N, C-alpha and C. Protein backbone atom coordinates (compact mmCIF):
# COMPACT_ATOMS: atom_id res chain seq x y z
N UNK A 1 31.30 60.80 -10.01
CA UNK A 1 30.92 61.36 -8.71
C UNK A 1 30.58 62.85 -8.86
N UNK A 2 29.65 63.35 -8.04
CA UNK A 2 29.30 64.78 -8.11
C UNK A 2 30.50 65.65 -7.79
N UNK A 3 30.56 66.81 -8.39
CA UNK A 3 31.63 67.75 -8.11
C UNK A 3 31.46 68.33 -6.71
N UNK A 4 32.57 68.82 -6.14
CA UNK A 4 32.52 69.43 -4.82
C UNK A 4 31.70 70.72 -4.88
N UNK A 5 31.06 71.10 -3.76
CA UNK A 5 30.30 72.35 -3.74
C UNK A 5 31.19 73.55 -4.03
N UNK A 6 30.58 74.64 -4.45
CA UNK A 6 31.32 75.87 -4.68
C UNK A 6 32.02 76.33 -3.41
N UNK A 7 33.18 76.93 -3.58
CA UNK A 7 33.89 77.53 -2.45
C UNK A 7 33.41 78.97 -2.30
N UNK A 8 32.95 79.32 -1.10
CA UNK A 8 32.43 80.66 -0.83
C UNK A 8 32.84 81.06 0.58
N UNK A 9 33.58 82.16 0.73
CA UNK A 9 34.01 82.58 2.07
C UNK A 9 32.86 82.94 2.98
N UNK A 10 31.68 83.16 2.40
CA UNK A 10 30.52 83.52 3.21
C UNK A 10 29.55 82.35 3.37
N UNK A 11 30.00 81.16 3.05
CA UNK A 11 29.11 79.99 3.10
C UNK A 11 28.62 79.73 4.53
N UNK A 12 27.37 79.36 4.63
CA UNK A 12 26.78 78.94 5.91
C UNK A 12 27.00 77.44 6.01
N UNK A 13 27.70 77.00 7.04
CA UNK A 13 28.12 75.60 7.11
C UNK A 13 27.64 74.87 8.35
N UNK A 14 26.79 75.49 9.14
CA UNK A 14 26.26 74.80 10.32
C UNK A 14 24.79 75.15 10.50
N UNK A 15 24.06 74.24 11.14
CA UNK A 15 22.65 74.50 11.41
C UNK A 15 22.48 75.69 12.35
N UNK A 16 23.40 75.82 13.30
CA UNK A 16 23.31 76.93 14.24
C UNK A 16 23.41 78.27 13.52
N UNK A 17 24.35 78.37 12.59
CA UNK A 17 24.52 79.62 11.84
C UNK A 17 23.31 79.88 10.95
N UNK A 18 22.77 78.83 10.36
CA UNK A 18 21.60 78.97 9.50
C UNK A 18 20.40 79.47 10.29
N UNK A 19 20.13 78.82 11.42
CA UNK A 19 18.97 79.19 12.22
C UNK A 19 19.09 80.59 12.80
N UNK A 20 20.32 81.03 13.05
CA UNK A 20 20.52 82.38 13.56
C UNK A 20 20.14 83.43 12.53
N UNK A 21 20.25 83.10 11.25
CA UNK A 21 19.90 84.04 10.19
C UNK A 21 18.39 84.18 10.02
N UNK A 22 17.64 83.14 10.32
CA UNK A 22 16.22 83.13 10.03
C UNK A 22 15.30 83.13 11.24
N UNK A 23 15.78 82.70 12.37
CA UNK A 23 14.90 82.62 13.53
C UNK A 23 14.06 81.37 13.51
N UNK A 24 13.23 81.18 14.55
CA UNK A 24 12.43 79.95 14.67
C UNK A 24 11.31 79.89 13.64
N UNK A 25 10.88 78.68 13.27
CA UNK A 25 9.77 78.56 12.31
C UNK A 25 8.44 78.95 12.94
N UNK A 26 7.52 79.37 12.08
CA UNK A 26 6.16 79.66 12.52
C UNK A 26 5.54 78.39 13.09
N UNK A 27 4.75 78.54 14.16
CA UNK A 27 4.15 77.37 14.83
C UNK A 27 3.34 76.52 13.86
N UNK A 28 2.49 77.17 13.04
CA UNK A 28 1.64 76.40 12.13
C UNK A 28 2.44 75.65 11.08
N UNK A 29 3.62 76.16 10.72
CA UNK A 29 4.44 75.47 9.73
C UNK A 29 5.04 74.18 10.28
N UNK A 30 5.06 74.06 11.60
CA UNK A 30 5.57 72.85 12.24
C UNK A 30 4.45 71.83 12.45
N UNK A 31 3.31 72.29 12.94
CA UNK A 31 2.23 71.35 13.29
C UNK A 31 1.44 70.86 12.09
N UNK A 32 1.66 71.42 10.91
CA UNK A 32 0.89 71.02 9.73
C UNK A 32 1.36 69.70 9.11
N UNK A 33 2.49 69.18 9.55
CA UNK A 33 3.07 67.98 8.93
C UNK A 33 2.32 66.73 9.37
N UNK A 34 1.95 65.90 8.39
CA UNK A 34 1.30 64.63 8.65
C UNK A 34 2.17 63.49 8.13
N UNK A 35 1.87 62.27 8.59
CA UNK A 35 2.58 61.08 8.11
C UNK A 35 1.74 60.28 7.13
N UNK A 36 0.53 60.75 6.86
CA UNK A 36 -0.33 60.08 5.90
C UNK A 36 -1.23 61.10 5.23
N UNK A 37 -2.03 60.64 4.28
CA UNK A 37 -2.92 61.52 3.53
C UNK A 37 -4.29 61.57 4.19
N UNK A 38 -4.74 62.77 4.55
CA UNK A 38 -6.09 62.94 5.05
C UNK A 38 -7.00 63.34 3.89
N UNK A 39 -8.28 63.57 4.19
CA UNK A 39 -9.24 63.87 3.12
C UNK A 39 -8.88 65.14 2.34
N UNK A 40 -8.50 66.26 3.00
CA UNK A 40 -8.15 67.45 2.22
C UNK A 40 -6.92 67.27 1.34
N UNK A 41 -5.90 66.59 1.84
CA UNK A 41 -4.70 66.41 1.01
C UNK A 41 -4.99 65.47 -0.16
N UNK A 42 -5.82 64.46 0.06
CA UNK A 42 -6.21 63.57 -1.05
C UNK A 42 -7.01 64.34 -2.09
N UNK A 43 -7.87 65.26 -1.63
CA UNK A 43 -8.67 66.07 -2.56
C UNK A 43 -7.77 67.02 -3.36
N UNK A 44 -6.73 67.54 -2.72
CA UNK A 44 -5.79 68.42 -3.43
C UNK A 44 -5.09 67.64 -4.54
N UNK A 45 -4.65 66.44 -4.23
CA UNK A 45 -3.99 65.61 -5.24
C UNK A 45 -4.95 65.28 -6.38
N UNK A 46 -6.21 65.01 -6.03
CA UNK A 46 -7.22 64.71 -7.05
C UNK A 46 -7.46 65.89 -7.98
N UNK A 47 -7.21 67.11 -7.49
CA UNK A 47 -7.40 68.31 -8.30
C UNK A 47 -6.17 68.76 -9.04
N UNK A 48 -5.06 68.05 -8.86
CA UNK A 48 -3.79 68.49 -9.43
C UNK A 48 -3.51 67.82 -10.78
N UNK A 49 -3.22 68.62 -11.83
CA UNK A 49 -2.85 68.07 -13.12
C UNK A 49 -1.33 68.02 -13.34
N UNK A 50 -0.56 68.43 -12.32
CA UNK A 50 0.88 68.57 -12.52
C UNK A 50 1.62 68.44 -11.20
N UNK A 51 2.75 67.73 -11.24
CA UNK A 51 3.62 67.66 -10.06
C UNK A 51 5.07 67.56 -10.53
N UNK A 52 5.95 67.85 -9.62
CA UNK A 52 7.39 67.69 -9.86
C UNK A 52 7.86 66.54 -8.99
N UNK A 53 8.51 65.57 -9.61
CA UNK A 53 9.03 64.40 -8.92
C UNK A 53 10.53 64.57 -8.71
N UNK A 54 10.96 64.55 -7.46
CA UNK A 54 12.38 64.69 -7.13
C UNK A 54 12.95 63.34 -6.72
N UNK A 55 14.11 63.01 -7.29
CA UNK A 55 14.76 61.73 -7.01
C UNK A 55 16.26 61.96 -6.85
N UNK A 56 16.95 60.91 -6.38
CA UNK A 56 18.40 61.01 -6.17
C UNK A 56 19.04 59.68 -6.56
N UNK A 57 20.16 59.75 -7.28
CA UNK A 57 20.79 58.49 -7.69
C UNK A 57 21.84 58.04 -6.69
N UNK A 58 22.49 56.93 -7.00
CA UNK A 58 23.44 56.34 -6.06
C UNK A 58 24.64 57.23 -5.81
N UNK A 59 24.96 58.13 -6.75
CA UNK A 59 26.09 59.05 -6.59
C UNK A 59 25.71 60.33 -5.88
N UNK A 60 24.43 60.46 -5.53
CA UNK A 60 23.98 61.66 -4.83
C UNK A 60 23.47 62.76 -5.74
N UNK A 61 23.48 62.55 -7.05
CA UNK A 61 22.93 63.56 -7.96
C UNK A 61 21.41 63.57 -7.85
N UNK A 62 20.86 64.77 -7.87
CA UNK A 62 19.42 64.95 -7.68
C UNK A 62 18.78 65.38 -9.00
N UNK A 63 17.61 64.82 -9.28
CA UNK A 63 16.86 65.19 -10.48
C UNK A 63 15.45 65.62 -10.09
N UNK A 64 14.95 66.63 -10.78
CA UNK A 64 13.56 67.04 -10.63
C UNK A 64 12.89 66.91 -11.99
N UNK A 65 11.87 66.07 -12.09
CA UNK A 65 11.23 65.83 -13.38
C UNK A 65 9.75 66.19 -13.33
N UNK A 66 9.24 66.84 -14.39
CA UNK A 66 7.82 67.20 -14.43
C UNK A 66 6.96 65.99 -14.78
N UNK A 67 5.82 65.89 -14.12
CA UNK A 67 4.84 64.84 -14.43
C UNK A 67 3.47 65.50 -14.53
N UNK A 68 2.73 65.20 -15.58
CA UNK A 68 1.44 65.85 -15.74
C UNK A 68 0.48 65.08 -16.59
N UNK A 69 -0.81 65.34 -16.35
CA UNK A 69 -1.92 64.78 -17.12
C UNK A 69 -3.18 65.47 -16.60
N UNK A 70 -4.33 64.91 -16.84
CA UNK A 70 -5.54 65.51 -16.32
C UNK A 70 -5.57 65.49 -14.80
N UNK A 71 -6.36 66.39 -14.18
CA UNK A 71 -6.46 66.39 -12.72
C UNK A 71 -6.77 64.99 -12.18
N UNK A 72 -6.02 64.60 -11.16
CA UNK A 72 -6.21 63.28 -10.57
C UNK A 72 -5.42 62.19 -11.25
N UNK A 73 -4.46 62.55 -12.12
CA UNK A 73 -3.67 61.50 -12.78
C UNK A 73 -2.83 60.73 -11.78
N UNK A 74 -2.45 61.36 -10.67
CA UNK A 74 -1.86 60.64 -9.55
C UNK A 74 -3.01 60.22 -8.64
N UNK A 75 -3.12 58.94 -8.36
CA UNK A 75 -4.26 58.44 -7.61
C UNK A 75 -3.86 58.02 -6.20
N UNK A 76 -4.77 58.27 -5.27
CA UNK A 76 -4.59 57.88 -3.88
C UNK A 76 -5.18 56.49 -3.70
N UNK A 77 -4.34 55.51 -3.40
CA UNK A 77 -4.82 54.15 -3.18
C UNK A 77 -5.25 53.92 -1.74
N UNK A 78 -4.60 54.62 -0.83
CA UNK A 78 -4.91 54.52 0.60
C UNK A 78 -4.27 55.73 1.27
N UNK A 79 -4.52 55.95 2.56
CA UNK A 79 -3.88 57.08 3.24
C UNK A 79 -2.35 57.04 3.22
N UNK A 80 -1.79 55.88 2.91
CA UNK A 80 -0.33 55.77 2.91
C UNK A 80 0.25 55.36 1.56
N UNK A 81 -0.57 55.38 0.51
CA UNK A 81 -0.02 54.98 -0.79
C UNK A 81 -0.62 55.78 -1.95
N UNK A 82 0.28 56.23 -2.81
CA UNK A 82 -0.07 56.90 -4.06
C UNK A 82 0.41 56.04 -5.23
N UNK A 83 -0.22 56.23 -6.38
CA UNK A 83 0.28 55.57 -7.58
C UNK A 83 0.32 56.60 -8.71
N UNK A 84 1.47 56.65 -9.40
CA UNK A 84 1.73 57.64 -10.44
C UNK A 84 2.08 56.91 -11.73
N UNK A 85 1.33 57.15 -12.82
CA UNK A 85 1.65 56.48 -14.08
C UNK A 85 2.88 57.10 -14.73
N UNK A 86 3.72 56.27 -15.31
CA UNK A 86 4.86 56.81 -16.05
C UNK A 86 4.45 56.93 -17.51
N UNK A 87 3.93 58.11 -17.87
CA UNK A 87 3.47 58.36 -19.23
C UNK A 87 4.66 58.41 -20.20
N UNK A 88 4.34 58.31 -21.46
CA UNK A 88 5.36 58.29 -22.51
C UNK A 88 6.24 59.54 -22.44
N UNK A 89 7.56 59.34 -22.56
CA UNK A 89 8.50 60.46 -22.53
C UNK A 89 9.63 60.22 -23.51
N UNK A 90 10.83 60.70 -23.13
CA UNK A 90 11.97 60.60 -24.05
C UNK A 90 12.86 59.39 -23.78
N UNK A 91 12.46 58.58 -22.81
CA UNK A 91 13.18 57.35 -22.45
C UNK A 91 14.56 57.59 -21.86
N UNK A 92 14.84 58.80 -21.38
CA UNK A 92 16.07 59.00 -20.59
C UNK A 92 15.96 58.22 -19.28
N UNK A 93 14.75 58.19 -18.72
CA UNK A 93 14.46 57.42 -17.50
C UNK A 93 15.26 57.89 -16.30
N UNK A 94 15.59 59.18 -16.25
CA UNK A 94 16.39 59.68 -15.12
C UNK A 94 15.78 59.31 -13.78
N UNK A 95 14.51 59.64 -13.59
CA UNK A 95 13.87 59.39 -12.30
C UNK A 95 13.78 57.90 -12.00
N UNK A 96 13.43 57.10 -13.01
CA UNK A 96 13.28 55.67 -12.78
C UNK A 96 14.63 55.02 -12.47
N UNK A 97 15.67 55.43 -13.17
CA UNK A 97 17.01 54.91 -12.87
C UNK A 97 17.40 55.25 -11.43
N UNK A 98 17.07 56.48 -11.02
CA UNK A 98 17.38 56.88 -9.65
C UNK A 98 16.67 55.99 -8.64
N UNK A 99 15.38 55.73 -8.88
CA UNK A 99 14.58 54.97 -7.92
C UNK A 99 15.07 53.54 -7.79
N UNK A 100 15.63 52.97 -8.86
CA UNK A 100 16.19 51.63 -8.78
C UNK A 100 17.27 51.56 -7.71
N UNK A 101 18.07 52.62 -7.58
CA UNK A 101 19.17 52.62 -6.61
C UNK A 101 18.83 53.31 -5.30
N UNK A 102 17.85 54.22 -5.32
CA UNK A 102 17.46 54.95 -4.10
C UNK A 102 15.96 55.21 -4.17
N UNK A 103 15.16 54.58 -3.31
CA UNK A 103 13.70 54.70 -3.40
C UNK A 103 13.13 56.00 -2.86
N UNK A 104 13.94 56.83 -2.22
CA UNK A 104 13.42 58.06 -1.62
C UNK A 104 13.01 59.06 -2.70
N UNK A 105 11.79 59.56 -2.59
CA UNK A 105 11.27 60.51 -3.57
C UNK A 105 10.52 61.63 -2.84
N UNK A 106 10.34 62.73 -3.56
CA UNK A 106 9.50 63.83 -3.08
C UNK A 106 8.66 64.33 -4.24
N UNK A 107 7.42 64.69 -3.95
CA UNK A 107 6.50 65.20 -4.96
C UNK A 107 6.01 66.57 -4.53
N UNK A 108 5.92 67.48 -5.49
CA UNK A 108 5.35 68.80 -5.26
C UNK A 108 4.16 68.95 -6.21
N UNK A 109 2.95 68.97 -5.64
CA UNK A 109 1.73 69.06 -6.44
C UNK A 109 1.28 70.51 -6.58
N UNK A 110 0.93 70.90 -7.82
CA UNK A 110 0.43 72.24 -8.11
C UNK A 110 -0.95 72.14 -8.75
N UNK A 111 -1.78 73.14 -8.48
CA UNK A 111 -3.10 73.26 -9.10
C UNK A 111 -3.21 74.67 -9.68
N UNK A 112 -3.46 74.82 -10.98
CA UNK A 112 -3.60 76.16 -11.56
C UNK A 112 -4.60 77.02 -10.79
N UNK A 113 -4.17 78.23 -10.45
CA UNK A 113 -5.02 79.14 -9.70
C UNK A 113 -4.83 79.08 -8.20
N UNK A 114 -4.17 78.03 -7.71
CA UNK A 114 -3.96 77.88 -6.27
C UNK A 114 -2.57 78.37 -5.88
N UNK A 115 -2.50 79.22 -4.86
CA UNK A 115 -1.21 79.66 -4.36
C UNK A 115 -0.51 78.57 -3.57
N UNK A 116 -1.29 77.75 -2.88
CA UNK A 116 -0.71 76.67 -2.09
C UNK A 116 -0.26 75.52 -2.98
N UNK A 117 0.75 74.81 -2.53
CA UNK A 117 1.18 73.57 -3.16
C UNK A 117 1.18 72.49 -2.08
N UNK A 118 1.24 71.24 -2.49
CA UNK A 118 1.26 70.13 -1.53
C UNK A 118 2.54 69.34 -1.72
N UNK A 119 3.24 69.12 -0.61
CA UNK A 119 4.49 68.37 -0.64
C UNK A 119 4.27 66.99 -0.03
N UNK A 120 4.74 65.98 -0.74
CA UNK A 120 4.61 64.60 -0.29
C UNK A 120 5.97 63.92 -0.42
N UNK A 121 6.42 63.30 0.65
CA UNK A 121 7.67 62.56 0.63
C UNK A 121 7.43 61.10 0.97
N UNK A 122 8.25 60.22 0.42
CA UNK A 122 8.09 58.81 0.72
C UNK A 122 9.08 57.96 -0.04
N UNK A 123 8.74 56.69 -0.19
CA UNK A 123 9.60 55.74 -0.90
C UNK A 123 8.82 55.12 -2.05
N UNK A 124 9.47 54.99 -3.20
CA UNK A 124 8.80 54.53 -4.41
C UNK A 124 9.31 53.17 -4.88
N UNK A 125 8.42 52.44 -5.52
CA UNK A 125 8.74 51.19 -6.18
C UNK A 125 8.23 51.29 -7.62
N UNK A 126 9.04 50.88 -8.58
CA UNK A 126 8.61 50.83 -9.98
C UNK A 126 7.89 49.51 -10.20
N UNK A 127 6.64 49.58 -10.62
CA UNK A 127 5.81 48.38 -10.72
C UNK A 127 5.24 48.19 -12.12
N UNK A 128 5.12 46.91 -12.53
CA UNK A 128 4.45 46.56 -13.78
C UNK A 128 3.11 45.89 -13.48
N UNK A 129 2.56 46.11 -12.29
CA UNK A 129 1.29 45.50 -11.89
C UNK A 129 0.23 45.68 -12.98
N UNK A 130 -0.29 44.59 -13.55
CA UNK A 130 -1.25 44.71 -14.65
C UNK A 130 -2.52 45.47 -14.28
N UNK A 131 -3.01 45.25 -13.06
CA UNK A 131 -4.24 45.92 -12.65
C UNK A 131 -4.04 47.43 -12.53
N UNK A 132 -2.91 47.84 -11.97
CA UNK A 132 -2.65 49.27 -11.83
C UNK A 132 -2.38 49.91 -13.19
N UNK A 133 -1.68 49.23 -14.06
CA UNK A 133 -1.44 49.77 -15.40
C UNK A 133 -2.75 49.95 -16.16
N UNK A 134 -3.64 48.98 -16.02
CA UNK A 134 -4.95 49.09 -16.69
C UNK A 134 -5.77 50.21 -16.07
N UNK A 135 -5.71 50.33 -14.76
CA UNK A 135 -6.45 51.38 -14.06
C UNK A 135 -6.01 52.77 -14.49
N UNK A 136 -4.74 52.92 -14.80
CA UNK A 136 -4.19 54.22 -15.15
C UNK A 136 -4.00 54.41 -16.66
N UNK A 137 -4.63 53.55 -17.44
CA UNK A 137 -4.56 53.71 -18.90
C UNK A 137 -5.27 55.00 -19.32
N UNK A 138 -4.77 55.59 -20.40
CA UNK A 138 -5.39 56.81 -20.94
C UNK A 138 -5.44 56.70 -22.45
N UNK A 139 -6.61 56.98 -23.01
CA UNK A 139 -6.83 56.86 -24.45
C UNK A 139 -6.42 55.48 -24.95
N UNK A 140 -6.73 54.48 -24.13
CA UNK A 140 -6.46 53.10 -24.51
C UNK A 140 -5.02 52.66 -24.38
N UNK A 141 -4.16 53.52 -23.85
CA UNK A 141 -2.74 53.19 -23.73
C UNK A 141 -2.34 53.07 -22.26
N UNK A 142 -1.83 51.91 -21.91
CA UNK A 142 -1.36 51.70 -20.55
C UNK A 142 0.07 52.23 -20.40
N UNK A 143 0.40 52.78 -19.22
CA UNK A 143 1.79 53.16 -18.98
C UNK A 143 2.66 51.91 -18.90
N UNK A 144 3.91 52.02 -19.31
CA UNK A 144 4.82 50.88 -19.24
C UNK A 144 5.03 50.44 -17.80
N UNK A 145 5.08 51.42 -16.90
CA UNK A 145 5.22 51.14 -15.47
C UNK A 145 4.42 52.18 -14.69
N UNK A 146 4.25 51.91 -13.42
CA UNK A 146 3.67 52.89 -12.51
C UNK A 146 4.59 52.99 -11.30
N UNK A 147 4.54 54.13 -10.64
CA UNK A 147 5.27 54.30 -9.39
C UNK A 147 4.30 54.13 -8.24
N UNK A 148 4.56 53.16 -7.40
CA UNK A 148 3.81 53.01 -6.16
C UNK A 148 4.62 53.71 -5.07
N UNK A 149 4.02 54.68 -4.44
CA UNK A 149 4.75 55.51 -3.48
C UNK A 149 4.17 55.36 -2.10
N UNK A 150 4.99 54.88 -1.18
CA UNK A 150 4.60 54.77 0.22
C UNK A 150 4.79 56.13 0.88
N UNK A 151 3.71 56.72 1.35
CA UNK A 151 3.74 58.08 1.89
C UNK A 151 4.33 58.08 3.29
N UNK A 152 5.27 59.02 3.52
CA UNK A 152 5.89 59.16 4.84
C UNK A 152 5.74 60.56 5.42
N UNK A 153 5.48 61.54 4.56
CA UNK A 153 5.38 62.93 5.03
C UNK A 153 4.49 63.71 4.07
N UNK A 154 3.58 64.51 4.63
CA UNK A 154 2.66 65.31 3.82
C UNK A 154 2.48 66.67 4.49
N UNK A 155 2.60 67.75 3.72
CA UNK A 155 2.21 69.07 4.23
C UNK A 155 2.09 70.05 3.08
N UNK A 156 1.27 71.08 3.29
CA UNK A 156 1.11 72.09 2.25
C UNK A 156 2.16 73.17 2.42
N UNK A 157 2.50 73.80 1.30
CA UNK A 157 3.44 74.92 1.29
C UNK A 157 2.64 76.20 1.10
N UNK A 158 2.96 77.22 1.86
CA UNK A 158 2.21 78.47 1.79
C UNK A 158 2.36 79.12 0.41
N UNK A 159 1.55 80.14 0.16
CA UNK A 159 1.40 80.70 -1.19
C UNK A 159 2.43 81.76 -1.57
N UNK A 160 3.36 82.11 -0.69
CA UNK A 160 4.22 83.26 -0.97
C UNK A 160 4.98 83.14 -2.29
N UNK A 161 5.58 81.99 -2.55
CA UNK A 161 6.38 81.85 -3.78
C UNK A 161 5.54 82.07 -5.03
N UNK A 162 4.34 81.50 -5.05
CA UNK A 162 3.49 81.65 -6.23
C UNK A 162 2.91 83.05 -6.32
N UNK A 163 2.68 83.69 -5.18
CA UNK A 163 2.22 85.08 -5.21
C UNK A 163 3.31 85.99 -5.76
N UNK A 164 4.54 85.79 -5.30
CA UNK A 164 5.64 86.62 -5.78
C UNK A 164 5.86 86.45 -7.29
N UNK A 165 5.75 85.21 -7.74
CA UNK A 165 6.03 84.94 -9.16
C UNK A 165 4.87 85.28 -10.08
N UNK A 166 3.66 85.47 -9.48
CA UNK A 166 2.45 85.69 -10.28
C UNK A 166 2.31 84.59 -11.33
N UNK A 167 2.60 83.37 -10.91
CA UNK A 167 2.66 82.25 -11.84
C UNK A 167 1.35 82.01 -12.59
N UNK A 168 0.24 82.15 -11.88
CA UNK A 168 -1.04 81.80 -12.51
C UNK A 168 -1.75 82.97 -13.18
N UNK A 169 -1.23 84.16 -13.06
CA UNK A 169 -1.88 85.30 -13.68
C UNK A 169 -3.31 85.46 -13.18
N UNK A 170 -4.26 85.47 -14.10
CA UNK A 170 -5.67 85.65 -13.74
C UNK A 170 -6.41 84.33 -13.57
N UNK A 171 -5.70 83.22 -13.59
CA UNK A 171 -6.36 81.92 -13.43
C UNK A 171 -7.07 81.86 -12.08
N UNK A 172 -8.25 81.28 -12.07
CA UNK A 172 -9.04 81.20 -10.86
C UNK A 172 -8.82 79.87 -10.15
N UNK A 173 -8.76 79.94 -8.83
CA UNK A 173 -8.62 78.74 -8.03
C UNK A 173 -9.90 77.91 -8.13
N UNK A 174 -9.81 76.59 -8.33
CA UNK A 174 -11.01 75.75 -8.36
C UNK A 174 -11.79 75.87 -7.06
N UNK A 175 -13.08 76.09 -7.16
CA UNK A 175 -13.91 76.34 -5.98
C UNK A 175 -13.94 75.16 -5.02
N UNK A 176 -13.77 73.94 -5.54
CA UNK A 176 -13.86 72.75 -4.69
C UNK A 176 -12.52 72.34 -4.09
N UNK A 177 -11.45 73.04 -4.44
CA UNK A 177 -10.13 72.67 -3.94
C UNK A 177 -10.00 73.03 -2.46
N UNK A 178 -9.49 72.11 -1.62
CA UNK A 178 -9.29 72.44 -0.20
C UNK A 178 -8.37 73.65 -0.06
N UNK A 179 -8.67 74.50 0.90
CA UNK A 179 -7.83 75.67 1.17
C UNK A 179 -6.70 75.31 2.12
N UNK A 180 -5.78 76.25 2.30
CA UNK A 180 -4.71 76.04 3.28
C UNK A 180 -5.31 75.82 4.66
N UNK A 181 -6.37 76.57 4.98
CA UNK A 181 -7.02 76.40 6.26
C UNK A 181 -7.64 75.02 6.42
N UNK A 182 -8.25 74.51 5.36
CA UNK A 182 -8.80 73.15 5.41
C UNK A 182 -7.71 72.13 5.71
N UNK A 183 -6.60 72.26 5.00
CA UNK A 183 -5.49 71.32 5.18
C UNK A 183 -4.90 71.41 6.58
N UNK A 184 -4.72 72.63 7.07
CA UNK A 184 -4.12 72.83 8.39
C UNK A 184 -5.05 72.36 9.49
N UNK A 185 -6.33 72.65 9.37
CA UNK A 185 -7.28 72.22 10.40
C UNK A 185 -7.33 70.70 10.49
N UNK A 186 -7.33 70.03 9.34
CA UNK A 186 -7.36 68.57 9.34
C UNK A 186 -6.05 67.99 9.88
N UNK A 187 -4.92 68.58 9.48
CA UNK A 187 -3.62 68.07 9.92
C UNK A 187 -3.43 68.20 11.43
N UNK A 188 -4.06 69.21 12.02
CA UNK A 188 -3.90 69.43 13.47
C UNK A 188 -5.07 68.89 14.27
N UNK A 189 -5.95 68.13 13.63
CA UNK A 189 -7.08 67.57 14.35
C UNK A 189 -8.03 68.61 14.89
N UNK A 190 -8.11 69.75 14.22
CA UNK A 190 -9.02 70.81 14.65
C UNK A 190 -8.41 71.81 15.61
N UNK A 191 -7.14 71.63 15.96
CA UNK A 191 -6.50 72.57 16.89
C UNK A 191 -6.36 73.96 16.28
N UNK A 192 -6.25 74.02 14.96
CA UNK A 192 -6.19 75.30 14.26
C UNK A 192 -7.52 75.52 13.54
N UNK A 193 -8.10 76.70 13.70
CA UNK A 193 -9.36 77.05 13.05
C UNK A 193 -9.07 77.40 11.59
N UNK A 194 -9.46 76.53 10.68
CA UNK A 194 -9.15 76.71 9.27
C UNK A 194 -9.77 77.96 8.67
N UNK A 195 -11.01 78.26 9.02
CA UNK A 195 -11.68 79.44 8.46
C UNK A 195 -10.98 80.71 8.91
N UNK A 196 -10.59 80.75 10.18
CA UNK A 196 -9.88 81.93 10.68
C UNK A 196 -8.52 82.06 10.00
N UNK A 197 -7.85 80.93 9.80
CA UNK A 197 -6.54 80.95 9.14
C UNK A 197 -6.67 81.51 7.73
N UNK A 198 -7.68 81.03 7.00
CA UNK A 198 -7.89 81.52 5.63
C UNK A 198 -8.27 83.00 5.60
N UNK A 199 -9.07 83.42 6.57
CA UNK A 199 -9.51 84.82 6.60
C UNK A 199 -8.35 85.77 6.82
N UNK A 200 -7.37 85.32 7.62
CA UNK A 200 -6.22 86.16 7.93
C UNK A 200 -5.13 86.08 6.85
N UNK A 201 -5.22 85.08 5.97
CA UNK A 201 -4.14 84.80 5.02
C UNK A 201 -3.80 85.96 4.09
N UNK A 202 -4.77 86.64 3.47
CA UNK A 202 -4.40 87.70 2.53
C UNK A 202 -3.50 88.78 3.13
N UNK A 203 -3.84 89.24 4.32
CA UNK A 203 -3.01 90.26 4.97
C UNK A 203 -1.68 89.66 5.41
N UNK A 204 -1.73 88.47 6.02
CA UNK A 204 -0.51 87.84 6.51
C UNK A 204 0.48 87.62 5.38
N UNK A 205 0.01 87.13 4.25
CA UNK A 205 0.90 86.84 3.14
C UNK A 205 1.40 88.11 2.45
N UNK A 206 0.50 89.06 2.23
CA UNK A 206 0.89 90.27 1.50
C UNK A 206 1.88 91.13 2.28
N UNK A 207 1.87 91.00 3.60
CA UNK A 207 2.79 91.80 4.43
C UNK A 207 4.07 91.05 4.77
N UNK A 208 4.22 89.83 4.24
CA UNK A 208 5.44 89.07 4.57
C UNK A 208 6.03 88.39 3.34
N UNK A 209 5.84 88.99 2.18
CA UNK A 209 6.41 88.42 0.95
C UNK A 209 7.92 88.62 0.87
N UNK A 210 8.42 89.69 1.50
CA UNK A 210 9.85 89.99 1.43
C UNK A 210 10.39 90.35 2.81
């Protein structure tokens, strides 16, 4: 069983105390959440060569595992389903063992040069579907299994963390990658002007990093 949390006399132990420290969320950070994949979020995934897969086992232990290949290695099968190949690794199978007991997963997609990331949550099934394994073969090698992920939540994460870390250095954002404004405008059905959001972003982000 997992060990008990650290004892800290200053620990925040209620939602009320937590929210009092931070205040209400920004309006756009609330309305950007979708329950399925729209065209901009699918395009972001198609441009991503790397994601982090988060899983949890029956004892409550959480694992975050890196997954990567060429851009688009995670494929969108429909607005509510993704498929991720399980490429060759060290056979610890931490994430897959977790999914056998708890199907809840979260994915964080990154694209080199992009400050924004895309968060996807849902439920996964480990599949040996021959057609999907063949579809996701690379260099003539099929993955042993694929993860079929039923999408339940989708939203982009703002660029502050990657700006602070200078993670990408001088890497350039792909010109065809959807912007935060594109994602937000689509998620809100046009209620938010994406071009205006993007135009204001540099000042908004640079003045609120800390």
